[in-house]
Amino acid sequence: MATSNIRTYPLGFIQTNCYIVSNAEKQCLIFDPGGEGEKLISELHRLKLKPLAILLTHAHFDHIGAVDEVRDAYTIPVYIHTAEKKWLLDPSKNGSAKYAEIPSISGKEADIILNNESELQIGNFHFQLLHTPGHSPGSLTFYFEEDGFAVVGDTLFQNSIGRTDLPGGNEEQLMKAIHTKLLTLPETTIIYPGHGPASTIEDEMEKNPFLNGF
């Protein structure tokens, strides 16, 4: 029986999907607040939700633009993989220095560094942490088994896969992560990517040309 509800908010310069996962107790987790922090905070107020944490699938600029604004508004911890623990502080690592049309992002360090694949418990939320590198070295997937969905960041998309031409990208790692960590999940699992619409493991196994050699 599902216990969590997920809402999608495309935010920031390239409409990166921010996800709010909430429960019946009005607690919530925030995934990848990429921008428009004021808009996100207003929505949290409207829904009367109590944020417990910010979790990052990875630390490219379009996924972290509102991290500090939201963290400071609620005094909540930010979780990140150890491979990208310095990226929040460094515009050259998070990619924001590359684009003149966007402000450089140089924020504070994450509060909690994730090292190993494990099960996490935050408040009443229970989920699995999967390391899915390739798009970036610290890319993470957050798998909510009981609720039948996974927040996959920029690792896998509807009919596509994450790009690997950015610093730290590795196509071999990406394909291995997709095949060994994601495609092994139940086929009914809904995947929520960093951009674009949700999909399912079954649909990507059957229709994704990058995985099927079409």
N, C-alpha and C. Protein backbone atom coordinates (compact mmCIF):
# COMPACT_ATOMS: atom_id res chain seq x y z
N MET A 1 0.85 -1.20 0.00
CA MET A 1 0.00 0.00 0.00
C MET A 1 0.88 1.25 0.00
N ALA A 2 0.63 2.14 -0.94
CA ALA A 2 1.44 3.35 -1.05
C ALA A 2 1.24 4.25 0.16
N THR A 3 2.34 4.81 0.64
CA THR A 3 2.27 5.71 1.79
C THR A 3 2.74 7.11 1.46
N SER A 4 3.37 7.29 0.31
CA SER A 4 3.92 8.59 -0.05
C SER A 4 3.30 9.10 -1.34
N ASN A 5 3.22 10.41 -1.43
CA ASN A 5 2.70 11.09 -2.61
C ASN A 5 3.84 11.91 -3.23
N ILE A 6 3.94 11.91 -4.55
CA ILE A 6 5.00 12.66 -5.21
C ILE A 6 4.40 13.70 -6.15
N ARG A 7 4.96 14.90 -6.07
CA ARG A 7 4.54 16.02 -6.93
C ARG A 7 5.75 16.52 -7.71
N THR A 8 5.52 16.93 -8.95
CA THR A 8 6.59 17.36 -9.84
C THR A 8 6.49 18.85 -10.12
N TYR A 9 7.63 19.55 -10.01
CA TYR A 9 7.67 20.98 -10.28
C TYR A 9 8.88 21.30 -11.16
N PRO A 10 8.67 21.56 -12.45
CA PRO A 10 9.79 21.99 -13.30
C PRO A 10 10.19 23.42 -12.92
N LEU A 11 11.45 23.59 -12.53
CA LEU A 11 11.91 24.88 -12.01
C LEU A 11 13.24 25.29 -12.65
N GLY A 12 13.50 26.58 -12.65
CA GLY A 12 14.80 27.09 -13.03
C GLY A 12 15.00 27.30 -14.51
N PHE A 13 16.24 27.51 -14.88
CA PHE A 13 16.62 27.94 -16.23
C PHE A 13 16.20 26.95 -17.30
N ILE A 14 16.33 25.67 -17.02
CA ILE A 14 15.97 24.67 -18.03
C ILE A 14 14.91 23.71 -17.50
N GLN A 15 14.09 24.24 -16.60
CA GLN A 15 12.91 23.51 -16.13
C GLN A 15 13.27 22.11 -15.63
N THR A 16 14.22 22.07 -14.72
CA THR A 16 14.61 20.81 -14.08
C THR A 16 13.52 20.36 -13.13
N ASN A 17 13.21 19.09 -13.14
CA ASN A 17 12.15 18.57 -12.27
C ASN A 17 12.61 18.55 -10.81
N CYS A 18 11.91 19.32 -10.00
CA CYS A 18 12.03 19.22 -8.55
C CYS A 18 10.86 18.36 -8.07
N TYR A 19 11.13 17.47 -7.14
CA TYR A 19 10.08 16.59 -6.64
C TYR A 19 9.86 16.82 -5.15
N ILE A 20 8.59 16.87 -4.77
CA ILE A 20 8.21 16.89 -3.36
C ILE A 20 7.51 15.57 -3.06
N VAL A 21 8.09 14.81 -2.16
CA VAL A 21 7.50 13.55 -1.72
C VAL A 21 6.94 13.77 -0.32
N SER A 22 5.64 13.56 -0.15
CA SER A 22 4.99 13.86 1.12
C SER A 22 4.22 12.65 1.63
N ASN A 23 3.86 12.70 2.90
CA ASN A 23 3.09 11.62 3.51
C ASN A 23 1.87 12.17 4.23
N ALA A 24 1.10 11.28 4.83
CA ALA A 24 -0.15 11.67 5.48
C ALA A 24 0.08 12.58 6.68
N GLU A 25 1.29 12.53 7.24
CA GLU A 25 1.60 13.38 8.39
C GLU A 25 2.04 14.78 7.97
N LYS A 26 1.99 15.05 6.67
CA LYS A 26 2.36 16.36 6.12
C LYS A 26 3.86 16.62 6.18
N GLN A 27 4.64 15.55 6.41
CA GLN A 27 6.08 15.66 6.27
C GLN A 27 6.42 15.58 4.78
N CYS A 28 7.58 16.12 4.39
CA CYS A 28 7.97 15.97 2.99
C CYS A 28 9.48 15.99 2.84
N LEU A 29 9.93 15.39 1.74
CA LEU A 29 11.31 15.44 1.29
C LEU A 29 11.35 16.21 -0.02
N ILE A 30 12.40 16.99 -0.23
CA ILE A 30 12.54 17.80 -1.44
C ILE A 30 13.73 17.27 -2.22
N PHE A 31 13.50 16.93 -3.48
CA PHE A 31 14.55 16.41 -4.35
C PHE A 31 14.88 17.44 -5.43
N ASP A 32 16.14 17.82 -5.51
CA ASP A 32 16.67 18.66 -6.59
C ASP A 32 15.94 19.99 -6.76
N PRO A 33 16.01 20.88 -5.77
CA PRO A 33 15.43 22.21 -5.95
C PRO A 33 16.32 23.07 -6.85
N GLY A 34 16.03 23.02 -8.14
CA GLY A 34 16.94 23.59 -9.13
C GLY A 34 16.89 25.09 -9.29
N GLY A 35 15.83 25.72 -8.82
CA GLY A 35 15.70 27.16 -8.96
C GLY A 35 14.35 27.63 -8.44
N GLU A 36 14.12 28.94 -8.58
CA GLU A 36 12.83 29.52 -8.18
C GLU A 36 12.45 29.13 -6.75
N GLY A 37 13.40 29.36 -5.84
CA GLY A 37 13.19 28.97 -4.46
C GLY A 37 11.95 29.58 -3.83
N GLU A 38 11.69 30.85 -4.14
CA GLU A 38 10.52 31.52 -3.57
C GLU A 38 9.23 30.83 -4.00
N LYS A 39 9.17 30.44 -5.26
CA LYS A 39 7.99 29.73 -5.77
C LYS A 39 7.82 28.39 -5.06
N LEU A 40 8.93 27.67 -4.85
CA LEU A 40 8.87 26.38 -4.18
C LEU A 40 8.44 26.53 -2.73
N ILE A 41 8.98 27.51 -2.05
CA ILE A 41 8.62 27.74 -0.65
C ILE A 41 7.15 28.12 -0.54
N SER A 42 6.66 28.94 -1.47
CA SER A 42 5.23 29.31 -1.46
C SER A 42 4.35 28.08 -1.64
N GLU A 43 4.77 27.16 -2.48
CA GLU A 43 4.00 25.94 -2.70
C GLU A 43 4.00 25.06 -1.45
N LEU A 44 5.13 24.98 -0.79
CA LEU A 44 5.20 24.21 0.45
C LEU A 44 4.26 24.80 1.51
N HIS A 45 4.22 26.13 1.57
CA HIS A 45 3.29 26.79 2.50
C HIS A 45 1.84 26.49 2.12
N ARG A 46 1.56 26.58 0.82
CA ARG A 46 0.19 26.35 0.36
C ARG A 46 -0.28 24.95 0.72
N LEU A 47 0.61 23.99 0.58
CA LEU A 47 0.27 22.60 0.87
C LEU A 47 0.36 22.26 2.36
N LYS A 48 0.85 23.24 3.14
CA LYS A 48 1.01 23.05 4.59
C LYS A 48 1.91 21.85 4.91
N LEU A 49 3.02 21.76 4.17
CA LEU A 49 3.95 20.66 4.35
C LEU A 49 5.13 21.07 5.22
N LYS A 50 5.69 20.09 5.91
CA LYS A 50 6.86 20.30 6.77
C LYS A 50 8.06 19.59 6.14
N PRO A 51 8.95 20.33 5.49
CA PRO A 51 10.13 19.69 4.88
C PRO A 51 11.08 19.15 5.94
N LEU A 52 11.62 17.96 5.67
CA LEU A 52 12.56 17.31 6.57
C LEU A 52 13.98 17.33 6.03
N ALA A 53 14.13 17.37 4.70
CA ALA A 53 15.47 17.29 4.11
C ALA A 53 15.41 17.63 2.63
N ILE A 54 16.57 18.02 2.11
CA ILE A 54 16.79 18.18 0.67
C ILE A 54 17.74 17.07 0.23
N LEU A 55 17.34 16.31 -0.78
CA LEU A 55 18.18 15.24 -1.30
C LEU A 55 18.52 15.53 -2.75
N LEU A 56 19.78 15.38 -3.10
CA LEU A 56 20.24 15.71 -4.44
C LEU A 56 20.61 14.45 -5.21
N THR A 57 20.00 14.30 -6.39
CA THR A 57 20.40 13.19 -7.25
C THR A 57 21.81 13.41 -7.78
N HIS A 58 22.18 14.67 -7.97
CA HIS A 58 23.55 15.05 -8.30
C HIS A 58 23.63 16.56 -8.20
N ALA A 59 24.82 17.12 -8.43
CA ALA A 59 25.01 18.54 -8.12
C ALA A 59 25.34 19.40 -9.34
N HIS A 60 24.79 19.08 -10.50
CA HIS A 60 24.89 20.02 -11.61
C HIS A 60 24.03 21.25 -11.31
N PHE A 61 24.43 22.38 -11.88
CA PHE A 61 23.85 23.67 -11.50
C PHE A 61 22.33 23.72 -11.60
N ASP A 62 21.78 23.02 -12.59
CA ASP A 62 20.33 23.12 -12.80
C ASP A 62 19.54 22.31 -11.79
N HIS A 63 20.23 21.59 -10.91
CA HIS A 63 19.55 20.80 -9.87
C HIS A 63 19.75 21.40 -8.48
N ILE A 64 20.56 22.45 -8.36
CA ILE A 64 20.94 22.95 -7.03
C ILE A 64 20.69 24.44 -6.82
N GLY A 65 20.10 25.12 -7.79
CA GLY A 65 20.01 26.58 -7.74
C GLY A 65 19.28 27.14 -6.54
N ALA A 66 18.34 26.40 -5.98
CA ALA A 66 17.56 26.90 -4.84
C ALA A 66 17.88 26.17 -3.54
N VAL A 67 18.96 25.42 -3.53
CA VAL A 67 19.28 24.61 -2.34
C VAL A 67 19.41 25.47 -1.09
N ASP A 68 20.25 26.51 -1.15
CA ASP A 68 20.49 27.29 0.06
C ASP A 68 19.26 28.08 0.48
N GLU A 69 18.51 28.60 -0.48
CA GLU A 69 17.31 29.36 -0.14
C GLU A 69 16.30 28.50 0.61
N VAL A 70 16.10 27.28 0.14
CA VAL A 70 15.14 26.38 0.78
C VAL A 70 15.71 25.84 2.09
N ARG A 71 16.98 25.48 2.09
CA ARG A 71 17.61 24.98 3.32
C ARG A 71 17.51 26.02 4.44
N ASP A 72 17.81 27.28 4.11
CA ASP A 72 17.78 28.33 5.12
C ASP A 72 16.37 28.64 5.60
N ALA A 73 15.40 28.51 4.69
CA ALA A 73 14.01 28.80 5.06
C ALA A 73 13.47 27.82 6.09
N TYR A 74 13.96 26.59 6.04
CA TYR A 74 13.40 25.55 6.91
C TYR A 74 14.43 24.93 7.87
N THR A 75 15.69 25.35 7.77
CA THR A 75 16.76 24.79 8.61
C THR A 75 16.76 23.27 8.53
N ILE A 76 16.93 22.78 7.33
CA ILE A 76 16.91 21.34 7.09
C ILE A 76 18.23 20.92 6.44
N PRO A 77 18.62 19.65 6.58
CA PRO A 77 19.90 19.19 6.03
C PRO A 77 19.82 18.90 4.53
N VAL A 78 20.96 19.03 3.88
CA VAL A 78 21.11 18.68 2.47
C VAL A 78 21.97 17.42 2.38
N TYR A 79 21.49 16.44 1.61
CA TYR A 79 22.18 15.17 1.41
C TYR A 79 22.79 15.14 0.01
N ILE A 80 24.04 14.67 -0.08
CA ILE A 80 24.71 14.56 -1.37
C ILE A 80 25.70 13.39 -1.33
N HIS A 81 26.03 12.83 -2.50
CA HIS A 81 27.02 11.76 -2.55
C HIS A 81 28.42 12.35 -2.36
N THR A 82 29.28 11.58 -1.72
CA THR A 82 30.62 12.06 -1.40
C THR A 82 31.42 12.48 -2.63
N ALA A 83 31.17 11.86 -3.79
CA ALA A 83 31.92 12.19 -5.01
C ALA A 83 31.66 13.62 -5.47
N GLU A 84 30.59 14.23 -4.99
CA GLU A 84 30.25 15.59 -5.42
C GLU A 84 30.09 16.55 -4.24
N LYS A 85 30.72 16.22 -3.13
CA LYS A 85 30.52 17.02 -1.92
C LYS A 85 31.05 18.44 -2.05
N LYS A 86 31.98 18.68 -2.96
CA LYS A 86 32.53 20.03 -3.15
C LYS A 86 31.83 20.81 -4.26
N TRP A 87 30.93 20.15 -4.97
CA TRP A 87 30.34 20.78 -6.14
C TRP A 87 29.42 21.94 -5.78
N LEU A 88 28.78 21.90 -4.63
CA LEU A 88 27.90 22.99 -4.24
C LEU A 88 28.67 24.30 -4.06
N LEU A 89 29.96 24.18 -3.75
CA LEU A 89 30.78 25.35 -3.48
C LEU A 89 31.50 25.88 -4.71
N ASP A 90 31.57 25.09 -5.78
CA ASP A 90 32.49 25.37 -6.88
C ASP A 90 31.75 25.48 -8.22
N PRO A 91 31.59 26.70 -8.75
CA PRO A 91 30.89 26.88 -10.03
C PRO A 91 31.53 26.13 -11.20
N SER A 92 32.84 25.90 -11.13
CA SER A 92 33.49 25.17 -12.23
C SER A 92 33.14 23.69 -12.18
N LYS A 93 32.84 23.16 -11.00
CA LYS A 93 32.46 21.76 -10.89
C LYS A 93 30.97 21.57 -11.16
N ASN A 94 30.12 22.45 -10.65
CA ASN A 94 28.67 22.27 -10.85
C ASN A 94 28.21 22.77 -12.22
N GLY A 95 29.10 23.40 -12.96
CA GLY A 95 28.81 23.78 -14.34
C GLY A 95 28.25 25.17 -14.52
N SER A 96 27.95 25.86 -13.43
CA SER A 96 27.33 27.18 -13.58
C SER A 96 28.31 28.22 -14.13
N ALA A 97 29.61 27.98 -13.96
CA ALA A 97 30.60 28.93 -14.47
C ALA A 97 30.68 28.91 -16.00
N LYS A 98 30.13 27.88 -16.59
CA LYS A 98 30.26 27.69 -18.04
C LYS A 98 29.34 28.60 -18.84
N TYR A 99 28.28 29.10 -18.21
CA TYR A 99 27.23 29.80 -18.95
C TYR A 99 27.11 31.24 -18.47
N ALA A 100 27.35 32.19 -19.37
CA ALA A 100 27.32 33.60 -19.02
C ALA A 100 25.91 34.07 -18.66
N GLU A 101 24.90 33.37 -19.20
CA GLU A 101 23.53 33.84 -19.01
C GLU A 101 22.92 33.43 -17.66
N ILE A 102 23.65 32.64 -16.89
CA ILE A 102 23.13 32.25 -15.58
C ILE A 102 24.12 32.67 -14.50
N PRO A 103 23.63 32.97 -13.30
CA PRO A 103 24.55 33.32 -12.22
C PRO A 103 25.35 32.12 -11.75
N SER A 104 26.60 32.37 -11.39
CA SER A 104 27.42 31.30 -10.84
C SER A 104 26.85 30.86 -9.50
N ILE A 105 26.84 29.57 -9.28
CA ILE A 105 26.31 29.02 -8.04
C ILE A 105 27.47 28.58 -7.16
N SER A 106 27.60 29.23 -6.03
CA SER A 106 28.61 28.87 -5.04
C SER A 106 27.96 28.97 -3.68
N GLY A 107 27.49 27.83 -3.17
CA GLY A 107 26.75 27.82 -1.93
C GLY A 107 27.52 27.20 -0.79
N LYS A 108 26.78 26.75 0.18
CA LYS A 108 27.38 26.12 1.36
C LYS A 108 27.51 24.62 1.14
N GLU A 109 28.35 24.00 1.97
CA GLU A 109 28.53 22.56 1.88
C GLU A 109 27.26 21.82 2.25
N ALA A 110 27.14 20.61 1.73
CA ALA A 110 26.04 19.75 2.15
C ALA A 110 26.23 19.36 3.61
N ASP A 111 25.13 19.02 4.26
CA ASP A 111 25.17 18.67 5.68
C ASP A 111 25.46 17.20 5.91
N ILE A 112 24.97 16.34 5.01
CA ILE A 112 25.13 14.90 5.19
C ILE A 112 25.70 14.31 3.91
N ILE A 113 26.83 13.65 4.04
CA ILE A 113 27.54 13.06 2.91
C ILE A 113 27.22 11.58 2.84
N LEU A 114 26.75 11.14 1.69
CA LEU A 114 26.36 9.74 1.50
C LEU A 114 27.51 9.00 0.83
N ASN A 115 27.92 7.89 1.43
CA ASN A 115 29.06 7.13 0.92
C ASN A 115 28.67 5.81 0.28
N ASN A 116 27.74 5.13 0.88
CA ASN A 116 27.44 3.76 0.48
C ASN A 116 25.98 3.59 0.12
N GLU A 117 25.71 2.61 -0.72
CA GLU A 117 24.33 2.24 -0.97
C GLU A 117 23.75 1.69 0.34
N SER A 118 22.56 2.12 0.66
CA SER A 118 21.98 1.73 1.94
C SER A 118 20.49 2.01 1.93
N GLU A 119 19.86 1.67 3.02
CA GLU A 119 18.48 2.08 3.24
C GLU A 119 18.50 3.29 4.15
N LEU A 120 17.71 4.29 3.80
CA LEU A 120 17.66 5.52 4.59
C LEU A 120 16.29 5.68 5.23
N GLN A 121 16.30 6.24 6.41
CA GLN A 121 15.07 6.58 7.12
C GLN A 121 15.17 8.04 7.50
N ILE A 122 14.25 8.85 6.96
CA ILE A 122 14.17 10.26 7.33
C ILE A 122 12.73 10.52 7.74
N GLY A 123 12.52 10.85 9.00
CA GLY A 123 11.15 10.95 9.50
C GLY A 123 10.46 9.61 9.33
N ASN A 124 9.29 9.63 8.71
CA ASN A 124 8.56 8.38 8.45
C ASN A 124 8.80 7.85 7.04
N PHE A 125 9.76 8.44 6.32
CA PHE A 125 10.07 7.98 4.97
C PHE A 125 11.17 6.93 5.02
N HIS A 126 10.95 5.86 4.29
CA HIS A 126 11.94 4.79 4.21
C HIS A 126 12.17 4.48 2.74
N PHE A 127 13.45 4.52 2.31
CA PHE A 127 13.75 4.32 0.90
C PHE A 127 15.18 3.82 0.75
N GLN A 128 15.47 3.34 -0.45
CA GLN A 128 16.80 2.79 -0.74
C GLN A 128 17.63 3.78 -1.55
N LEU A 129 18.90 3.80 -1.25
CA LEU A 129 19.85 4.66 -1.93
C LEU A 129 20.66 3.80 -2.90
N LEU A 130 20.63 4.16 -4.19
CA LEU A 130 21.38 3.45 -5.22
C LEU A 130 22.37 4.40 -5.86
N HIS A 131 23.64 4.01 -5.94
CA HIS A 131 24.66 4.82 -6.61
C HIS A 131 24.61 4.49 -8.09
N THR A 132 24.26 5.49 -8.91
CA THR A 132 24.08 5.28 -10.35
C THR A 132 24.95 6.27 -11.14
N PRO A 133 26.27 6.13 -11.06
CA PRO A 133 27.16 7.09 -11.73
C PRO A 133 27.15 6.93 -13.24
N GLY A 134 27.70 7.92 -13.90
CA GLY A 134 27.80 7.90 -15.35
C GLY A 134 27.49 9.27 -15.92
N HIS A 135 26.31 9.78 -15.59
CA HIS A 135 26.01 11.17 -15.96
C HIS A 135 26.92 12.10 -15.18
N SER A 136 27.12 11.76 -13.93
CA SER A 136 28.09 12.43 -13.07
C SER A 136 28.58 11.40 -12.05
N PRO A 137 29.74 11.63 -11.43
CA PRO A 137 30.32 10.59 -10.57
C PRO A 137 29.50 10.29 -9.32
N GLY A 138 28.74 11.27 -8.85
CA GLY A 138 27.98 11.06 -7.62
C GLY A 138 26.49 10.92 -7.83
N SER A 139 26.07 10.58 -9.02
CA SER A 139 24.64 10.46 -9.31
C SER A 139 24.00 9.38 -8.43
N LEU A 140 22.85 9.71 -7.88
CA LEU A 140 22.12 8.82 -7.00
C LEU A 140 20.70 8.60 -7.49
N THR A 141 20.17 7.42 -7.21
CA THR A 141 18.75 7.12 -7.39
C THR A 141 18.16 6.82 -6.02
N PHE A 142 16.98 7.38 -5.77
CA PHE A 142 16.28 7.16 -4.52
C PHE A 142 15.05 6.30 -4.81
N TYR A 143 15.06 5.07 -4.30
CA TYR A 143 14.04 4.08 -4.65
C TYR A 143 13.09 3.85 -3.48
N PHE A 144 11.83 4.19 -3.71
CA PHE A 144 10.77 4.00 -2.72
C PHE A 144 10.03 2.71 -3.08
N GLU A 145 10.51 1.61 -2.56
CA GLU A 145 10.00 0.30 -2.96
C GLU A 145 8.52 0.15 -2.64
N GLU A 146 8.12 0.53 -1.44
CA GLU A 146 6.74 0.34 -1.03
C GLU A 146 5.77 1.15 -1.89
N ASP A 147 6.25 2.30 -2.36
CA ASP A 147 5.40 3.18 -3.16
C ASP A 147 5.55 2.95 -4.66
N GLY A 148 6.53 2.13 -5.05
CA GLY A 148 6.66 1.74 -6.44
C GLY A 148 7.22 2.80 -7.37
N PHE A 149 8.09 3.69 -6.83
CA PHE A 149 8.70 4.68 -7.71
C PHE A 149 10.14 4.96 -7.31
N ALA A 150 10.87 5.55 -8.26
CA ALA A 150 12.27 5.91 -8.04
C ALA A 150 12.54 7.29 -8.64
N VAL A 151 13.24 8.12 -7.88
CA VAL A 151 13.72 9.41 -8.38
C VAL A 151 15.12 9.17 -8.93
N VAL A 152 15.27 9.28 -10.25
CA VAL A 152 16.49 8.80 -10.91
C VAL A 152 17.41 9.90 -11.43
N GLY A 153 17.05 11.16 -11.23
CA GLY A 153 17.91 12.24 -11.71
C GLY A 153 18.09 12.20 -13.21
N ASP A 154 19.31 12.46 -13.65
CA ASP A 154 19.60 12.51 -15.09
C ASP A 154 20.25 11.22 -15.60
N THR A 155 19.99 10.12 -14.90
CA THR A 155 20.54 8.83 -15.34
C THR A 155 19.72 8.22 -16.46
N LEU A 156 18.40 8.25 -16.32
CA LEU A 156 17.51 7.62 -17.29
C LEU A 156 16.30 8.52 -17.52
N PHE A 157 15.92 8.65 -18.78
CA PHE A 157 14.76 9.46 -19.16
C PHE A 157 13.78 8.63 -19.98
N GLN A 158 12.62 9.18 -20.21
CA GLN A 158 11.68 8.55 -21.13
C GLN A 158 12.32 8.53 -22.51
N ASN A 159 12.60 7.32 -23.01
CA ASN A 159 13.18 7.11 -24.34
C ASN A 159 14.57 7.73 -24.52
N SER A 160 15.29 7.93 -23.44
CA SER A 160 16.63 8.49 -23.55
C SER A 160 17.44 8.12 -22.31
N ILE A 161 18.70 8.54 -22.32
CA ILE A 161 19.59 8.32 -21.18
C ILE A 161 20.34 9.61 -20.89
N GLY A 162 21.01 9.66 -19.77
CA GLY A 162 21.75 10.86 -19.40
C GLY A 162 22.94 11.11 -20.32
N ARG A 163 23.26 12.37 -20.50
CA ARG A 163 24.43 12.72 -21.29
C ARG A 163 25.69 12.41 -20.49
N THR A 164 26.78 12.14 -21.20
CA THR A 164 28.03 11.78 -20.53
C THR A 164 29.20 12.64 -21.01
N ASP A 165 28.87 13.77 -21.67
CA ASP A 165 29.93 14.62 -22.23
C ASP A 165 30.31 15.76 -21.30
N LEU A 166 29.76 15.78 -20.09
CA LEU A 166 30.12 16.80 -19.11
C LEU A 166 31.27 16.27 -18.25
N PRO A 167 31.99 17.17 -17.55
CA PRO A 167 33.08 16.72 -16.69
C PRO A 167 32.62 15.65 -15.70
N GLY A 168 33.37 14.56 -15.64
CA GLY A 168 33.01 13.47 -14.75
C GLY A 168 32.06 12.46 -15.34
N GLY A 169 31.57 12.73 -16.56
CA GLY A 169 30.66 11.79 -17.21
C GLY A 169 31.40 10.58 -17.75
N ASN A 170 30.71 9.44 -17.79
CA ASN A 170 31.34 8.21 -18.25
C ASN A 170 30.26 7.30 -18.81
N GLU A 171 30.27 7.09 -20.12
CA GLU A 171 29.21 6.33 -20.76
C GLU A 171 29.17 4.87 -20.30
N GLU A 172 30.34 4.27 -20.14
CA GLU A 172 30.38 2.88 -19.69
C GLU A 172 29.77 2.74 -18.30
N GLN A 173 30.12 3.65 -17.42
CA GLN A 173 29.53 3.63 -16.07
C GLN A 173 28.02 3.83 -16.12
N LEU A 174 27.58 4.77 -16.97
CA LEU A 174 26.15 5.05 -17.08
C LEU A 174 25.37 3.82 -17.51
N MET A 175 25.83 3.17 -18.56
CA MET A 175 25.11 2.01 -19.07
C MET A 175 25.12 0.87 -18.04
N LYS A 176 26.24 0.71 -17.36
CA LYS A 176 26.30 -0.32 -16.32
C LYS A 176 25.31 -0.02 -15.20
N ALA A 177 25.25 1.24 -14.78
CA ALA A 177 24.33 1.63 -13.71
C ALA A 177 22.88 1.40 -14.11
N ILE A 178 22.56 1.77 -15.34
CA ILE A 178 21.18 1.60 -15.81
C ILE A 178 20.80 0.12 -15.83
N HIS A 179 21.69 -0.69 -16.36
CA HIS A 179 21.35 -2.11 -16.52
C HIS A 179 21.39 -2.89 -15.21
N THR A 180 22.30 -2.54 -14.31
CA THR A 180 22.44 -3.32 -13.08
C THR A 180 21.65 -2.76 -11.91
N LYS A 181 21.36 -1.46 -11.92
CA LYS A 181 20.67 -0.85 -10.77
C LYS A 181 19.22 -0.50 -11.07
N LEU A 182 18.93 -0.04 -12.29
CA LEU A 182 17.58 0.43 -12.60
C LEU A 182 16.74 -0.63 -13.30
N LEU A 183 17.28 -1.25 -14.33
CA LEU A 183 16.48 -2.23 -15.08
C LEU A 183 16.22 -3.50 -14.29
N THR A 184 16.88 -3.64 -13.15
CA THR A 184 16.63 -4.78 -12.27
C THR A 184 15.51 -4.49 -11.26
N LEU A 185 15.02 -3.26 -11.23
CA LEU A 185 13.88 -2.94 -10.37
C LEU A 185 12.62 -3.56 -10.98
N PRO A 186 11.56 -3.73 -10.19
CA PRO A 186 10.31 -4.26 -10.75
C PRO A 186 9.86 -3.45 -11.96
N GLU A 187 9.36 -4.14 -12.98
CA GLU A 187 9.02 -3.47 -14.23
C GLU A 187 7.94 -2.41 -14.06
N THR A 188 7.13 -2.54 -13.03
CA THR A 188 6.06 -1.57 -12.80
C THR A 188 6.56 -0.30 -12.11
N THR A 189 7.83 -0.27 -11.72
CA THR A 189 8.38 0.90 -11.02
C THR A 189 8.28 2.14 -11.90
N ILE A 190 7.71 3.19 -11.36
CA ILE A 190 7.66 4.48 -12.05
C ILE A 190 8.97 5.21 -11.82
N ILE A 191 9.57 5.72 -12.89
CA ILE A 191 10.81 6.49 -12.75
C ILE A 191 10.50 7.97 -12.97
N TYR A 192 11.04 8.77 -12.08
CA TYR A 192 10.88 10.22 -12.14
C TYR A 192 12.24 10.83 -12.45
N PRO A 193 12.44 11.30 -13.70
CA PRO A 193 13.74 11.80 -14.12
C PRO A 193 13.94 13.28 -13.84
N GLY A 194 15.16 13.74 -14.08
CA GLY A 194 15.48 15.14 -13.85
C GLY A 194 14.86 16.10 -14.85
N HIS A 195 14.44 15.59 -15.98
CA HIS A 195 13.81 16.42 -17.02
C HIS A 195 12.77 15.58 -17.74
N GLY A 196 11.69 16.21 -18.13
CA GLY A 196 10.70 15.51 -18.93
C GLY A 196 9.75 14.66 -18.11
N PRO A 197 8.92 13.89 -18.82
CA PRO A 197 7.86 13.13 -18.14
C PRO A 197 8.36 11.88 -17.44
N ALA A 198 7.54 11.38 -16.54
CA ALA A 198 7.81 10.11 -15.88
C ALA A 198 7.63 8.96 -16.85
N SER A 199 8.19 7.82 -16.50
CA SER A 199 8.05 6.62 -17.32
C SER A 199 8.00 5.42 -16.37
N THR A 200 8.14 4.24 -16.93
CA THR A 200 8.25 3.03 -16.10
C THR A 200 9.44 2.22 -16.57
N ILE A 201 9.93 1.37 -15.70
CA ILE A 201 11.03 0.48 -16.08
C ILE A 201 10.61 -0.38 -17.27
N GLU A 202 9.40 -0.88 -17.25
CA GLU A 202 8.92 -1.72 -18.35
C GLU A 202 8.95 -0.98 -19.68
N ASP A 203 8.45 0.26 -19.70
CA ASP A 203 8.43 1.02 -20.94
C ASP A 203 9.84 1.27 -21.47
N GLU A 204 10.77 1.57 -20.56
CA GLU A 204 12.14 1.84 -21.02
C GLU A 204 12.83 0.57 -21.51
N MET A 205 12.53 -0.55 -20.89
CA MET A 205 13.09 -1.82 -21.36
C MET A 205 12.59 -2.15 -22.76
N GLU A 206 11.35 -1.78 -23.04
CA GLU A 206 10.75 -2.14 -24.32
C GLU A 206 10.96 -1.10 -25.42
N LYS A 207 11.03 0.20 -25.04
CA LYS A 207 10.94 1.25 -26.04
C LYS A 207 12.15 2.17 -26.13
N ASN A 208 13.02 2.15 -25.13
CA ASN A 208 14.13 3.10 -25.12
C ASN A 208 15.19 2.67 -26.14
N PRO A 209 15.40 3.47 -27.20
CA PRO A 209 16.32 3.05 -28.27
C PRO A 209 17.78 2.95 -27.80
N PHE A 210 18.13 3.67 -26.75
CA PHE A 210 19.50 3.61 -26.24
C PHE A 210 19.77 2.29 -25.48
N LEU A 211 18.69 1.63 -25.10
CA LEU A 211 18.84 0.39 -24.33
C LEU A 211 18.53 -0.84 -25.17
N ASN A 212 17.92 -0.63 -26.32
CA ASN A 212 17.45 -1.76 -27.11
C ASN A 212 18.10 -1.87 -28.48
N GLY A 213 18.95 -0.93 -28.82
CA GLY A 213 19.67 -1.02 -30.09
C GLY A 213 18.79 -0.81 -31.31
N PHE A 214 17.67 -0.06 -31.13
CA PHE A 214 16.81 0.22 -32.28
C PHE A 214 17.51 1.15 -33.24
